[in-house]
Amino acid sequence: MNGPEILVEVAPALGLFVPRAYRDGTPAPLTVDGVSTLGHVVESLGVPLTEVGGLRVDGVEAGTGHIPAAGERVEVRAVTRPQPVPGAPLRFLLDVHLGTLARRMRLLGIDTAYEATDIGDPALALRSATERRVLLSRDRGLLRRRELWAGGYVYSDRPDDQLRDVLGRFAPELRPWTRCTACNGTLTQACKEDITDRIEGGTRATYDVFAQCGQCARVYWRGAHHDRLEAMVTAAMAEFGPGSEL
């Protein structure tokens, strides 16, 4: 390509998105076409704009609409953590590949929408915009869709690391045991007599404390897996709950 050459410095935290020459945080040359915006140039390197915390051109803050000129030095910074998301209550939408993460976020009381079937990228992006939810995904192409209200790349394929990543990045309010892990509805305390038709005889005889989802009517109690879930909640609250230092 014949065109202006600029220098691009990409924050090391964004190194997994870019070609090797740009991964160590030192400026590297890039030939541009002289008409594409800075946002397009950054995306062409592989970085979703959801992961960009700021852009500087020759040391001055610049927007994604800036058109780079020959000789300019561009700095691509990562998002700050915790990352503020202004304009709406902090709510999330997860793509079809993040079901385990969705359940864990709901366990912690985070408003988390999730489709168990693949509804397609356009529908996900539209839902993000319509409901003003932060779309979380490992699909870079999905995060590049212009319809998105807000988004975030999930950097790991391990659910434990995914959860810590999301909690550390967005610092959502944690209210454990208040949401249905199946549908995201709100849980309320339930009287055993009112839900006897929804639980087995052994459960009725063994447990006395129940909660029920106001949306799907699913019933919860402290069953065999509670200790494991309690440990997960305790760890998250210790690191990311009120009084913790992010």
Foldseek 3Di string as FASTA:
>chain_A
DDAAKEWEFEPLVQLVQAPPVRNPRDIDIDGDHQPAFQLVVVVVRGDQPLFFQFKDWQRHTDDRRHGDGHYIYMYTYGRDWQHDDDDDAAAAEEELLCLVLLLLCVQQVGHYHYDVDGPDLVVSLQCCQVVVYAYEECDSVSSNDPSHNHYDYQDDSDSVSSNVVVCGHNLHATDGPQADSVGRAGKDKDACVVCVVPDDPVCSVPDGTWIAGPPPGDIDDCDDCNVVSVVSNVVCCQDRHPPHDD
